[in-house]
Amino acid sequence: MSSDIITLHCPLTAQTRHLIGPDELARMPRHALLINCARGGVVDEAALLEALRAGASPARAWMCSQASRPGAATCCQKLIR
């Protein structure tokens, strides 16, 4: 079973930190959209960056980042822009 659009809506806790990591990204269809409406840290940004650079899924990603100050872009946000 697969989804074309995946949205995340959860708090950042010890259980949800890196909820989406390399294994989850590898299972997503190449055309999938990943939208993180949750807190930064729920998605493993290093794994997402690697998947995007490798041309693996998801095709596009929008996310809250772990940037410490407003307006600061993470490496993932810079790549996506």
C-alpha atoms as a PDB file:
ATOM      1  CA  MET A   1       0.000   0.000   0.000  1.00  0.00           C
ATOM      2  CA  SER A   2       1.318   3.473  -0.822  1.00  0.00           C
ATOM      3  CA  SER A   3       0.253   7.086  -0.624  1.00  0.00           C
ATOM      4  CA  ASP A   4       0.843   9.928  -3.045  1.00  0.00           C
ATOM      5  CA  ILE A   5       0.662  12.639  -0.378  1.00  0.00           C
ATOM      6  CA  ILE A   6       1.889  12.223   3.178  1.00  0.00           C
ATOM      7  CA  THR A   7       1.288  14.940   5.765  1.00  0.00           C
ATOM      8  CA  LEU A   8       2.652  14.915   9.290  1.00  0.00           C
ATOM      9  CA  HIS A   9       0.726  16.512  12.165  1.00  0.00           C
ATOM     10  CA  CYS A  10       2.242  15.511  15.494  1.00  0.00           C
ATOM     11  CA  PRO A  11       4.226  16.998  18.356  1.00  0.00           C
ATOM     12  CA  LEU A  12       7.962  16.491  18.557  1.00  0.00           C
ATOM     13  CA  THR A  13       8.594  13.953  21.294  1.00  0.00           C
ATOM     14  CA  ALA A  14      11.172  11.270  21.930  1.00  0.00           C
ATOM     15  CA  GLN A  15       8.839   8.839  20.134  1.00  0.00           C
ATOM     16  CA  THR A  16       8.284  11.048  17.066  1.00  0.00           C
ATOM     17  CA  ARG A  17      11.853  12.366  16.582  1.00  0.00           C
ATOM     18  CA  HIS A  18      12.977  11.159  13.131  1.00  0.00           C
ATOM     19  CA  LEU A  19       9.642   9.407  12.636  1.00  0.00           C
ATOM     20  CA  ILE A  20      10.401   9.683   8.925  1.00  0.00           C
ATOM     21  CA  GLY A  21      13.931   8.445   8.293  1.00  0.00           C
ATOM     22  CA  PRO A  22      15.879   6.659   5.552  1.00  0.00           C
ATOM     23  CA  ASP A  23      13.756   3.492   5.628  1.00  0.00           C
ATOM     24  CA  GLU A  24      10.446   5.372   5.399  1.00  0.00           C
ATOM     25  CA  LEU A  25      11.754   7.638   2.624  1.00  0.00           C
ATOM     26  CA  ALA A  26      12.970   4.622   0.644  1.00  0.00           C
ATOM     27  CA  ARG A  27       9.486   3.069   0.764  1.00  0.00           C
ATOM     28  CA  MET A  28       7.753   6.200  -0.587  1.00  0.00           C
ATOM     29  CA  PRO A  29       6.829   6.284  -4.261  1.00  0.00           C
ATOM     30  CA  ARG A  30       9.110   8.555  -6.285  1.00  0.00           C
ATOM     31  CA  HIS A  31       6.206  10.903  -7.089  1.00  0.00           C
ATOM     32  CA  ALA A  32       5.091  11.220  -3.455  1.00  0.00           C
ATOM     33  CA  LEU A  33       4.768  14.551  -1.689  1.00  0.00           C
ATOM     34  CA  LEU A  34       5.922  14.803   1.925  1.00  0.00           C
ATOM     35  CA  ILE A  35       4.447  17.719   3.864  1.00  0.00           C
ATOM     36  CA  ASN A  36       5.641  18.182   7.437  1.00  0.00           C
ATOM     37  CA  CYS A  37       3.164  20.398   9.291  1.00  0.00           C
ATOM     38  CA  ALA A  38       4.618  19.097  12.536  1.00  0.00           C
ATOM     39  CA  ARG A  39       7.697  20.329  14.344  1.00  0.00           C
ATOM     40  CA  GLY A  40      11.168  20.208  12.883  1.00  0.00           C
ATOM     41  CA  GLY A  41      12.882  17.008  13.943  1.00  0.00           C
ATOM     42  CA  VAL A  42       9.983  14.719  13.075  1.00  0.00           C
ATOM     43  CA  VAL A  43      11.653  14.199   9.694  1.00  0.00           C
ATOM     44  CA  ASP A  44      15.321  13.203   9.649  1.00  0.00           C
ATOM     45  CA  GLU A  45      16.616  16.153   7.603  1.00  0.00           C
ATOM     46  CA  ALA A  46      19.934  14.479   6.752  1.00  0.00           C
ATOM     47  CA  ALA A  47      18.101  11.429   5.375  1.00  0.00           C
ATOM     48  CA  LEU A  48      15.707  13.654   3.417  1.00  0.00           C
ATOM     49  CA  LEU A  49      18.571  15.635   1.920  1.00  0.00           C
ATOM     50  CA  GLU A  50      20.333  12.430   0.894  1.00  0.00           C
ATOM     51  CA  ALA A  51      17.136  11.057  -0.692  1.00  0.00           C
ATOM     52  CA  LEU A  52      16.519  14.292  -2.602  1.00  0.00           C
ATOM     53  CA  ARG A  53      20.108  14.492  -3.853  1.00  0.00           C
ATOM     54  CA  ALA A  54      20.006  10.843  -4.924  1.00  0.00           C
ATOM     55  CA  GLY A  55      16.794  11.429  -6.877  1.00  0.00           C
ATOM     56  CA  ALA A  56      14.931   9.003  -4.635  1.00  0.00           C
ATOM     57  CA  SER A  57      11.532   9.696  -3.157  1.00  0.00           C
ATOM     58  CA  PRO A  58       9.924  11.913  -2.211  1.00  0.00           C
ATOM     59  CA  ALA A  59       9.908  13.975  -5.382  1.00  0.00           C
ATOM     60  CA  ARG A  60       9.109  17.109  -3.391  1.00  0.00           C
ATOM     61  CA  ALA A  61       9.141  17.922   0.293  1.00  0.00           C
ATOM     62  CA  TRP A  62       7.888  20.801   2.363  1.00  0.00           C
ATOM     63  CA  MET A  63       8.746  20.856   5.993  1.00  0.00           C
ATOM     64  CA  CYS A  64       9.208  22.646   9.231  1.00  0.00           C
ATOM     65  CA  SER A  65      12.894  22.645   9.955  1.00  0.00           C
ATOM     66  CA  GLN A  66      15.108  22.438  12.963  1.00  0.00           C
ATOM     67  CA  ALA A  67      16.528  25.910  12.216  1.00  0.00           C
ATOM     68  CA  SER A  68      17.089  27.678  15.490  1.00  0.00           C
ATOM     69  CA  ARG A  69      16.099  31.192  14.461  1.00  0.00           C
ATOM     70  CA  PRO A  70      13.216  32.518  12.332  1.00  0.00           C
ATOM     71  CA  GLY A  71      14.221  32.905   8.701  1.00  0.00           C
ATOM     72  CA  ALA A  72      17.195  30.552   8.991  1.00  0.00           C
ATOM     73  CA  ALA A  73      17.112  27.963   6.226  1.00  0.00           C
ATOM     74  CA  THR A  74      18.341  24.436   6.697  1.00  0.00           C
ATOM     75  CA  CYS A  75      20.232  22.542   4.034  1.00  0.00           C
ATOM     76  CA  CYS A  76      16.980  20.790   2.996  1.00  0.00           C
ATOM     77  CA  GLN A  77      15.104  24.037   2.532  1.00  0.00           C
ATOM     78  CA  LYS A  78      17.978  25.475   0.474  1.00  0.00           C
ATOM     79  CA  LEU A  79      17.983  22.411  -1.790  1.00  0.00           C
ATOM     80  CA  ILE A  80      14.222  22.511  -2.304  1.00  0.00           C
ATOM     81  CA  ARG A  81      14.078  26.197  -3.195  1.00  0.00           C
END
